[in-house]
N, C-alpha and C. Protein backbone atom coordinates (compact mmCIF):
# COMPACT_ATOMS: atom_id res chain seq x y z
N UNK A 1 100.61 110.54 31.69
CA UNK A 1 101.90 111.20 31.52
C UNK A 1 103.00 110.14 31.49
N UNK A 2 103.87 110.21 30.52
CA UNK A 2 104.97 109.26 30.42
C UNK A 2 106.15 109.72 31.27
N UNK A 3 106.83 108.74 31.85
CA UNK A 3 108.04 109.06 32.59
C UNK A 3 109.14 109.46 31.61
N UNK A 4 110.03 110.32 32.07
CA UNK A 4 111.15 110.77 31.26
C UNK A 4 112.44 110.24 31.88
N UNK A 5 113.52 110.21 31.10
CA UNK A 5 114.78 109.68 31.65
C UNK A 5 115.24 110.41 32.91
N UNK A 6 115.05 111.72 32.97
CA UNK A 6 115.48 112.46 34.15
C UNK A 6 114.68 112.07 35.39
N UNK A 7 113.49 111.51 35.20
CA UNK A 7 112.68 111.08 36.34
C UNK A 7 113.36 109.92 37.07
N UNK A 8 114.05 109.08 36.33
CA UNK A 8 114.79 107.98 36.95
C UNK A 8 115.91 108.56 37.82
N UNK A 9 116.60 109.55 37.32
CA UNK A 9 117.67 110.19 38.08
C UNK A 9 117.09 110.83 39.35
N UNK A 10 115.98 111.51 39.20
CA UNK A 10 115.35 112.19 40.33
C UNK A 10 114.92 111.20 41.41
N UNK A 11 114.25 110.13 41.00
CA UNK A 11 113.78 109.18 42.01
C UNK A 11 114.94 108.45 42.68
N UNK A 12 116.02 108.18 41.94
CA UNK A 12 117.18 107.56 42.58
C UNK A 12 117.83 108.52 43.57
N UNK A 13 117.81 109.81 43.27
CA UNK A 13 118.31 110.80 44.24
C UNK A 13 117.42 110.82 45.48
N UNK A 14 116.12 110.67 45.29
CA UNK A 14 115.21 110.60 46.43
C UNK A 14 115.47 109.36 47.28
N UNK A 15 115.90 108.29 46.64
CA UNK A 15 116.25 107.07 47.39
C UNK A 15 117.38 107.35 48.36
N UNK A 16 118.36 108.14 47.93
CA UNK A 16 119.55 108.38 48.76
C UNK A 16 119.49 109.67 49.57
N UNK A 17 118.52 110.53 49.30
CA UNK A 17 118.43 111.83 49.99
C UNK A 17 117.05 112.02 50.57
N UNK A 18 116.98 112.02 51.86
CA UNK A 18 115.70 112.24 52.54
C UNK A 18 115.55 113.71 52.91
N UNK A 19 114.31 114.16 52.98
CA UNK A 19 113.98 115.49 53.49
C UNK A 19 114.70 116.63 52.78
N UNK A 20 114.73 116.58 51.46
CA UNK A 20 115.33 117.67 50.68
C UNK A 20 114.21 118.43 49.98
N UNK A 21 114.40 119.72 49.82
CA UNK A 21 113.44 120.52 49.07
C UNK A 21 113.70 120.34 47.58
N UNK A 22 112.74 120.75 46.76
CA UNK A 22 112.92 120.68 45.32
C UNK A 22 114.14 121.50 44.89
N UNK A 23 114.33 122.64 45.52
CA UNK A 23 115.48 123.50 45.18
C UNK A 23 116.80 122.80 45.51
N UNK A 24 116.86 122.15 46.66
CA UNK A 24 118.09 121.44 47.05
C UNK A 24 118.36 120.27 46.10
N UNK A 25 117.32 119.51 45.79
CA UNK A 25 117.48 118.39 44.85
C UNK A 25 117.93 118.91 43.49
N UNK A 26 117.31 119.98 43.04
CA UNK A 26 117.65 120.56 41.74
C UNK A 26 119.11 120.98 41.70
N UNK A 27 119.59 121.64 42.74
CA UNK A 27 120.99 122.08 42.78
C UNK A 27 121.93 120.88 42.76
N UNK A 28 121.60 119.84 43.49
CA UNK A 28 122.48 118.66 43.56
C UNK A 28 122.45 117.85 42.27
N UNK A 29 121.34 117.93 41.53
CA UNK A 29 121.22 117.16 40.29
C UNK A 29 121.56 117.97 39.04
N UNK A 30 121.75 119.27 39.18
CA UNK A 30 122.02 120.09 38.01
C UNK A 30 120.80 120.25 37.12
N UNK A 31 119.63 120.34 37.75
CA UNK A 31 118.36 120.50 37.05
C UNK A 31 117.65 121.73 37.62
N UNK A 32 116.60 122.14 36.96
CA UNK A 32 115.79 123.23 37.52
C UNK A 32 114.83 122.64 38.56
N UNK A 33 114.37 123.47 39.47
CA UNK A 33 113.42 123.02 40.49
C UNK A 33 112.12 122.55 39.83
N UNK A 34 111.71 123.21 38.75
CA UNK A 34 110.48 122.79 38.07
C UNK A 34 110.64 121.42 37.42
N UNK A 35 111.83 121.12 36.89
CA UNK A 35 112.10 119.80 36.31
C UNK A 35 112.00 118.73 37.39
N UNK A 36 112.57 119.02 38.57
CA UNK A 36 112.51 118.06 39.68
C UNK A 36 111.06 117.89 40.14
N UNK A 37 110.35 118.99 40.29
CA UNK A 37 108.95 118.94 40.73
C UNK A 37 108.12 118.10 39.76
N UNK A 38 108.27 118.37 38.47
CA UNK A 38 107.51 117.62 37.46
C UNK A 38 107.88 116.14 37.47
N UNK A 39 109.17 115.84 37.66
CA UNK A 39 109.62 114.45 37.72
C UNK A 39 109.06 113.70 38.91
N UNK A 40 109.00 114.37 40.05
CA UNK A 40 108.42 113.76 41.26
C UNK A 40 106.93 113.50 41.02
N UNK A 41 106.26 114.46 40.41
CA UNK A 41 104.83 114.31 40.14
C UNK A 41 104.57 113.13 39.20
N UNK A 42 105.36 113.02 38.12
CA UNK A 42 105.19 111.91 37.18
C UNK A 42 105.48 110.57 37.87
N UNK A 43 106.51 110.54 38.73
CA UNK A 43 106.85 109.30 39.44
C UNK A 43 105.74 108.88 40.39
N UNK A 44 105.10 109.86 41.03
CA UNK A 44 103.97 109.55 41.91
C UNK A 44 102.79 109.02 41.10
N UNK A 45 102.52 109.65 39.97
CA UNK A 45 101.42 109.20 39.11
C UNK A 45 101.67 107.79 38.58
N UNK A 46 102.94 107.44 38.39
CA UNK A 46 103.30 106.10 37.91
C UNK A 46 103.31 105.07 39.03
N UNK A 47 103.10 105.51 40.27
CA UNK A 47 103.06 104.58 41.40
C UNK A 47 104.42 104.19 41.95
N UNK A 48 105.44 105.00 41.67
CA UNK A 48 106.78 104.69 42.15
C UNK A 48 107.08 105.31 43.50
N UNK A 49 106.26 106.29 43.90
CA UNK A 49 106.43 106.92 45.21
C UNK A 49 105.11 107.49 45.67
N UNK A 50 105.02 107.75 46.95
CA UNK A 50 103.84 108.38 47.53
C UNK A 50 104.18 109.80 47.92
N UNK A 51 103.23 110.71 47.71
CA UNK A 51 103.41 112.11 48.08
C UNK A 51 102.57 112.44 49.31
N UNK A 52 103.09 113.36 50.11
CA UNK A 52 102.35 113.93 51.23
C UNK A 52 102.70 115.41 51.26
N UNK A 53 101.70 116.25 51.18
CA UNK A 53 101.90 117.71 51.14
C UNK A 53 102.82 118.12 49.99
N UNK A 54 102.72 117.40 48.86
CA UNK A 54 103.47 117.77 47.67
C UNK A 54 104.91 117.32 47.65
N UNK A 55 105.38 116.64 48.70
CA UNK A 55 106.76 116.16 48.71
C UNK A 55 106.77 114.64 48.87
N UNK A 56 107.88 114.03 48.51
CA UNK A 56 108.00 112.58 48.58
C UNK A 56 107.93 112.11 50.03
N UNK A 57 106.95 111.27 50.32
CA UNK A 57 106.80 110.74 51.67
C UNK A 57 107.38 109.34 51.78
N UNK A 58 107.32 108.59 50.65
CA UNK A 58 107.78 107.22 50.70
C UNK A 58 108.06 106.72 49.28
N UNK A 59 109.20 106.06 49.12
CA UNK A 59 109.53 105.40 47.87
C UNK A 59 108.86 104.04 47.89
N UNK A 60 108.21 103.69 46.82
CA UNK A 60 107.65 102.34 46.70
C UNK A 60 108.72 101.45 46.10
N UNK A 61 109.55 100.91 46.98
CA UNK A 61 110.75 100.20 46.57
C UNK A 61 110.49 99.04 45.62
N UNK A 62 109.48 98.25 45.91
CA UNK A 62 109.19 97.09 45.06
C UNK A 62 108.79 97.53 43.65
N UNK A 63 107.90 98.52 43.58
CA UNK A 63 107.48 99.03 42.27
C UNK A 63 108.66 99.65 41.53
N UNK A 64 109.48 100.41 42.25
CA UNK A 64 110.65 101.03 41.63
C UNK A 64 111.61 99.97 41.11
N UNK A 65 111.84 98.94 41.90
CA UNK A 65 112.75 97.86 41.49
C UNK A 65 112.27 97.23 40.18
N UNK A 66 110.99 96.88 40.11
CA UNK A 66 110.48 96.24 38.89
C UNK A 66 110.51 97.19 37.70
N UNK A 67 110.27 98.45 37.94
CA UNK A 67 110.37 99.43 36.86
C UNK A 67 111.81 99.53 36.36
N UNK A 68 112.76 99.58 37.29
CA UNK A 68 114.17 99.71 36.89
C UNK A 68 114.65 98.50 36.10
N UNK A 69 114.26 97.31 36.50
CA UNK A 69 114.80 96.14 35.79
C UNK A 69 114.00 95.76 34.54
N UNK A 70 112.70 96.10 34.52
CA UNK A 70 111.88 95.70 33.38
C UNK A 70 111.49 96.85 32.45
N UNK A 71 111.37 98.05 32.97
CA UNK A 71 110.91 99.17 32.15
C UNK A 71 112.03 100.03 31.59
N UNK A 72 112.94 100.42 32.46
CA UNK A 72 114.00 101.35 32.04
C UNK A 72 114.85 100.81 30.88
N UNK A 73 115.28 99.54 30.92
CA UNK A 73 116.13 99.07 29.81
C UNK A 73 115.45 99.14 28.44
N UNK A 74 114.13 99.08 28.42
CA UNK A 74 113.41 99.14 27.14
C UNK A 74 112.99 100.56 26.78
N UNK A 75 112.64 101.34 27.80
CA UNK A 75 112.21 102.72 27.54
C UNK A 75 113.38 103.65 27.24
N UNK A 76 114.49 103.43 27.94
CA UNK A 76 115.65 104.32 27.81
C UNK A 76 116.90 103.53 27.44
N UNK A 77 116.73 102.65 26.45
CA UNK A 77 117.86 101.83 26.01
C UNK A 77 118.97 102.71 25.46
N UNK A 78 120.16 102.16 25.46
CA UNK A 78 121.31 102.92 25.01
C UNK A 78 122.24 101.98 24.25
N UNK A 79 122.88 102.52 23.24
CA UNK A 79 123.86 101.75 22.48
C UNK A 79 125.22 102.41 22.65
N UNK A 80 126.27 101.61 22.65
CA UNK A 80 127.62 102.19 22.78
C UNK A 80 127.89 103.19 21.66
N UNK A 81 128.56 104.28 22.04
CA UNK A 81 128.88 105.32 21.08
C UNK A 81 130.36 105.37 20.76
N UNK A 82 130.81 106.53 20.39
CA UNK A 82 132.20 106.75 19.99
C UNK A 82 133.14 106.67 21.20
N UNK A 83 134.40 106.55 20.91
CA UNK A 83 135.43 106.53 21.95
C UNK A 83 135.60 107.98 22.46
N UNK A 84 135.61 108.13 23.78
CA UNK A 84 135.70 109.45 24.39
C UNK A 84 136.31 109.34 25.78
N UNK A 85 136.58 110.49 26.37
CA UNK A 85 137.02 110.53 27.77
C UNK A 85 135.78 110.77 28.63
N UNK A 86 135.76 110.13 29.78
CA UNK A 86 134.61 110.31 30.64
C UNK A 86 134.72 109.63 31.97
N UNK A 87 133.57 109.41 32.56
CA UNK A 87 133.43 108.83 33.88
C UNK A 87 132.89 107.41 33.74
N UNK A 88 133.55 106.42 34.33
CA UNK A 88 133.10 105.03 34.17
C UNK A 88 131.67 104.83 34.64
N UNK A 89 130.96 103.96 33.96
CA UNK A 89 129.60 103.60 34.34
C UNK A 89 129.36 102.12 34.06
N UNK A 90 128.16 101.66 34.36
CA UNK A 90 127.76 100.26 34.18
C UNK A 90 128.75 99.34 34.88
N UNK A 91 129.24 98.32 34.18
CA UNK A 91 130.14 97.34 34.83
C UNK A 91 131.53 97.90 35.11
N UNK A 92 131.85 99.08 34.59
CA UNK A 92 133.18 99.68 34.82
C UNK A 92 133.22 100.50 36.11
N UNK A 93 132.07 100.70 36.75
CA UNK A 93 131.99 101.50 37.98
C UNK A 93 131.66 100.61 39.17
N UNK A 94 131.91 101.12 40.35
CA UNK A 94 131.55 100.41 41.58
C UNK A 94 130.03 100.32 41.65
N UNK A 95 129.48 99.23 42.06
CA UNK A 95 130.04 98.04 42.67
C UNK A 95 130.37 96.91 41.69
N UNK A 96 129.94 97.01 40.44
CA UNK A 96 130.15 95.91 39.50
C UNK A 96 131.60 95.74 39.08
N UNK A 97 132.38 96.81 39.10
CA UNK A 97 133.77 96.73 38.64
C UNK A 97 134.59 95.74 39.47
N UNK A 98 134.21 95.52 40.72
CA UNK A 98 134.95 94.56 41.55
C UNK A 98 134.48 93.13 41.32
N UNK A 99 133.37 92.96 40.61
CA UNK A 99 132.81 91.63 40.38
C UNK A 99 133.00 91.14 38.95
N UNK A 100 133.24 92.06 38.04
CA UNK A 100 133.35 91.71 36.62
C UNK A 100 134.69 92.16 36.08
N UNK A 101 135.39 91.22 35.48
CA UNK A 101 136.68 91.54 34.85
C UNK A 101 136.44 91.62 33.34
N UNK A 102 136.56 92.81 32.81
CA UNK A 102 136.32 92.98 31.38
C UNK A 102 137.61 92.97 30.57
N UNK A 103 138.70 92.58 31.20
CA UNK A 103 139.97 92.45 30.49
C UNK A 103 140.46 93.76 29.92
N UNK A 104 140.92 93.71 28.68
CA UNK A 104 141.47 94.89 28.02
C UNK A 104 140.42 95.70 27.26
N UNK A 105 139.17 95.28 27.32
CA UNK A 105 138.12 96.00 26.58
C UNK A 105 137.94 97.41 27.14
N UNK A 106 137.64 98.33 26.26
CA UNK A 106 137.37 99.69 26.69
C UNK A 106 136.10 99.72 27.55
N UNK A 107 136.11 100.49 28.64
CA UNK A 107 134.94 100.54 29.51
C UNK A 107 133.88 101.50 28.98
N UNK A 108 132.64 101.33 29.42
CA UNK A 108 131.61 102.32 29.11
C UNK A 108 131.82 103.55 29.99
N UNK A 109 131.67 104.74 29.41
CA UNK A 109 131.84 105.98 30.17
C UNK A 109 130.76 106.99 29.79
N UNK A 110 130.39 107.82 30.76
CA UNK A 110 129.57 108.98 30.46
C UNK A 110 130.52 110.04 29.94
N UNK A 111 130.27 110.63 28.80
CA UNK A 111 131.14 111.70 28.32
C UNK A 111 131.22 112.82 29.36
N UNK A 112 132.44 113.22 29.65
CA UNK A 112 132.64 114.23 30.69
C UNK A 112 133.97 114.91 30.44
N UNK A 113 133.97 116.25 30.30
CA UNK A 113 135.23 116.95 30.05
C UNK A 113 136.25 116.77 31.16
N UNK A 114 135.78 116.46 32.38
CA UNK A 114 136.70 116.24 33.49
C UNK A 114 137.07 114.76 33.64
N UNK A 115 136.54 113.91 32.78
CA UNK A 115 136.80 112.47 32.86
C UNK A 115 138.24 112.13 32.52
N UNK A 116 138.76 111.17 33.24
CA UNK A 116 140.15 110.74 33.04
C UNK A 116 140.26 109.37 32.41
N UNK A 117 139.12 108.73 32.17
CA UNK A 117 139.10 107.38 31.62
C UNK A 117 138.68 107.44 30.15
N UNK A 118 139.39 106.70 29.32
CA UNK A 118 139.04 106.61 27.91
C UNK A 118 138.21 105.36 27.71
N UNK A 119 137.05 105.52 27.09
CA UNK A 119 136.17 104.38 26.85
C UNK A 119 135.14 104.71 25.80
N UNK A 120 134.17 103.81 25.67
CA UNK A 120 133.13 104.07 24.68
C UNK A 120 131.97 104.80 25.36
N UNK A 121 131.42 105.75 24.64
CA UNK A 121 130.36 106.61 25.18
C UNK A 121 129.09 105.82 25.46
N UNK A 122 128.55 106.06 26.66
CA UNK A 122 127.24 105.56 27.03
C UNK A 122 126.45 106.79 27.47
N UNK A 123 125.48 107.16 26.68
CA UNK A 123 124.73 108.38 26.95
C UNK A 123 124.02 108.27 28.30
N UNK A 124 124.25 109.22 29.21
CA UNK A 124 123.58 109.16 30.51
C UNK A 124 122.09 109.48 30.39
N UNK A 125 121.35 109.14 31.42
CA UNK A 125 119.91 109.40 31.44
C UNK A 125 119.60 110.90 31.34
N UNK A 126 120.51 111.73 31.85
CA UNK A 126 120.33 113.18 31.80
C UNK A 126 121.72 113.81 31.71
N UNK A 127 121.80 114.94 31.07
CA UNK A 127 123.10 115.56 30.78
C UNK A 127 123.93 115.88 32.02
N UNK A 128 123.29 116.14 33.16
CA UNK A 128 124.04 116.51 34.37
C UNK A 128 124.43 115.31 35.24
N UNK A 129 124.16 114.10 34.78
CA UNK A 129 124.44 112.90 35.57
C UNK A 129 125.90 112.81 36.02
N UNK A 130 126.90 113.03 35.17
CA UNK A 130 128.28 112.90 35.67
C UNK A 130 128.57 113.83 36.85
N UNK A 131 128.13 115.06 36.78
CA UNK A 131 128.38 116.01 37.88
C UNK A 131 127.64 115.58 39.14
N UNK A 132 126.38 115.21 39.01
CA UNK A 132 125.59 114.77 40.17
C UNK A 132 126.20 113.52 40.80
N UNK A 133 126.64 112.59 39.97
CA UNK A 133 127.24 111.35 40.46
C UNK A 133 128.58 111.61 41.15
N UNK A 134 129.34 112.54 40.62
CA UNK A 134 130.63 112.87 41.22
C UNK A 134 130.46 113.42 42.65
N UNK A 135 129.34 114.09 42.89
CA UNK A 135 129.09 114.70 44.20
C UNK A 135 128.32 113.80 45.17
N UNK A 136 127.88 112.62 44.71
CA UNK A 136 127.12 111.71 45.56
C UNK A 136 127.47 110.27 45.20
N UNK A 137 128.41 109.66 45.92
CA UNK A 137 128.87 108.30 45.58
C UNK A 137 127.76 107.25 45.57
N UNK A 138 126.80 107.34 46.47
CA UNK A 138 125.73 106.35 46.50
C UNK A 138 124.83 106.49 45.27
N UNK A 139 124.52 107.74 44.90
CA UNK A 139 123.76 107.98 43.68
C UNK A 139 124.53 107.45 42.47
N UNK A 140 125.83 107.69 42.45
CA UNK A 140 126.69 107.20 41.37
C UNK A 140 126.54 105.69 41.21
N UNK A 141 126.59 104.96 42.32
CA UNK A 141 126.46 103.51 42.25
C UNK A 141 125.10 103.10 41.68
N UNK A 142 124.05 103.73 42.14
CA UNK A 142 122.71 103.38 41.64
C UNK A 142 122.57 103.68 40.14
N UNK A 143 123.08 104.82 39.71
CA UNK A 143 123.01 105.17 38.29
C UNK A 143 123.85 104.22 37.44
N UNK A 144 125.01 103.81 37.94
CA UNK A 144 125.85 102.86 37.22
C UNK A 144 125.15 101.50 37.12
N UNK A 145 124.47 101.08 38.18
CA UNK A 145 123.73 99.82 38.15
C UNK A 145 122.59 99.89 37.13
N UNK A 146 121.92 101.02 37.07
CA UNK A 146 120.85 101.19 36.08
C UNK A 146 121.43 101.16 34.67
N UNK A 147 122.61 101.75 34.48
CA UNK A 147 123.25 101.68 33.16
C UNK A 147 123.63 100.26 32.80
N UNK A 148 124.00 99.45 33.77
CA UNK A 148 124.30 98.04 33.50
C UNK A 148 123.03 97.34 33.02
N UNK A 149 121.89 97.72 33.56
CA UNK A 149 120.61 97.16 33.10
C UNK A 149 120.28 97.65 31.69
N UNK A 150 120.64 98.90 31.39
CA UNK A 150 120.33 99.49 30.09
C UNK A 150 121.23 98.96 28.98
N UNK A 151 122.49 98.67 29.30
CA UNK A 151 123.45 98.37 28.24
C UNK A 151 124.29 97.12 28.47
N UNK A 152 124.09 96.45 29.58
CA UNK A 152 124.95 95.33 29.92
C UNK A 152 124.57 94.03 29.23
N UNK A 153 125.46 93.07 29.40
CA UNK A 153 125.19 91.72 28.94
C UNK A 153 124.39 91.00 30.02
N UNK A 154 123.99 89.78 29.77
CA UNK A 154 123.12 89.04 30.67
C UNK A 154 123.69 88.96 32.09
N UNK A 155 124.95 88.59 32.23
CA UNK A 155 125.57 88.46 33.56
C UNK A 155 125.59 89.81 34.29
N UNK A 156 125.94 90.86 33.59
CA UNK A 156 125.99 92.19 34.19
C UNK A 156 124.60 92.62 34.64
N UNK A 157 123.60 92.36 33.82
CA UNK A 157 122.23 92.72 34.16
C UNK A 157 121.76 91.96 35.39
N UNK A 158 122.09 90.68 35.45
CA UNK A 158 121.68 89.86 36.59
C UNK A 158 122.32 90.36 37.88
N UNK A 159 123.61 90.63 37.85
CA UNK A 159 124.29 91.14 39.04
C UNK A 159 123.76 92.52 39.44
N UNK A 160 123.55 93.38 38.47
CA UNK A 160 123.02 94.72 38.75
C UNK A 160 121.64 94.62 39.40
N UNK A 161 120.79 93.74 38.89
CA UNK A 161 119.45 93.57 39.45
C UNK A 161 119.51 93.08 40.89
N UNK A 162 120.40 92.14 41.17
CA UNK A 162 120.55 91.63 42.55
C UNK A 162 121.00 92.73 43.50
N UNK A 163 121.99 93.49 43.09
CA UNK A 163 122.51 94.56 43.95
C UNK A 163 121.46 95.66 44.14
N UNK A 164 120.76 96.03 43.08
CA UNK A 164 119.70 97.04 43.19
C UNK A 164 118.61 96.58 44.15
N UNK A 165 118.22 95.33 44.06
CA UNK A 165 117.18 94.81 44.96
C UNK A 165 117.61 94.98 46.41
N UNK A 166 118.85 94.62 46.71
CA UNK A 166 119.36 94.75 48.08
C UNK A 166 119.39 96.21 48.52
N UNK A 167 119.85 97.09 47.65
CA UNK A 167 119.95 98.51 48.01
C UNK A 167 118.56 99.11 48.25
N UNK A 168 117.62 98.79 47.39
CA UNK A 168 116.28 99.34 47.55
C UNK A 168 115.57 98.73 48.76
N UNK A 169 115.84 97.48 49.07
CA UNK A 169 115.25 96.84 50.25
C UNK A 169 115.79 97.50 51.51
N UNK A 170 117.08 97.86 51.51
CA UNK A 170 117.65 98.54 52.66
C UNK A 170 116.94 99.87 52.90
N UNK A 171 116.62 100.58 51.85
CA UNK A 171 115.93 101.86 51.96
C UNK A 171 114.53 101.63 52.52
N UNK A 172 113.87 100.59 52.06
CA UNK A 172 112.51 100.30 52.50
C UNK A 172 112.43 100.01 53.99
N UNK A 173 113.49 99.39 54.54
CA UNK A 173 113.50 99.05 55.94
C UNK A 173 113.71 100.26 56.85
N UNK A 174 114.24 101.36 56.28
CA UNK A 174 114.52 102.55 57.09
C UNK A 174 113.27 103.31 57.43
């Protein structure tokens, strides 16, 4: 079974949310419970997490890290789109926005009717990502870092990989 883009969103939500039911995860991610269940199952089959009694028991942080930096950018690559209003992502969002000065260039944004920033469209991994990110700042940071890996330049990718490694290692220690 191949991983799908929404599986990345689901597993990153599992990184930041412990002990949630499929229904709770689905509501927070704007997905159906069956989509979340299937995504968790695919992630377990891919070796990114361990299951116990059908629920996520442990994230395999090292495997997830290598998948995010080496697999996701090639499997779910993205190219800049049209100019739109949206929510900042990649190097335009925290934590990279404080480390990278992009000058007057338009930032990458997830298209979002509630977005207040004008930039170039960067298609999110799943249609509900802007809403889910707005409701969970830590998830937002992880998704923005993954977008930097998907669409960033070499420096942005390197910084995103370093920050992701630290974040996932912190989870592993808990």
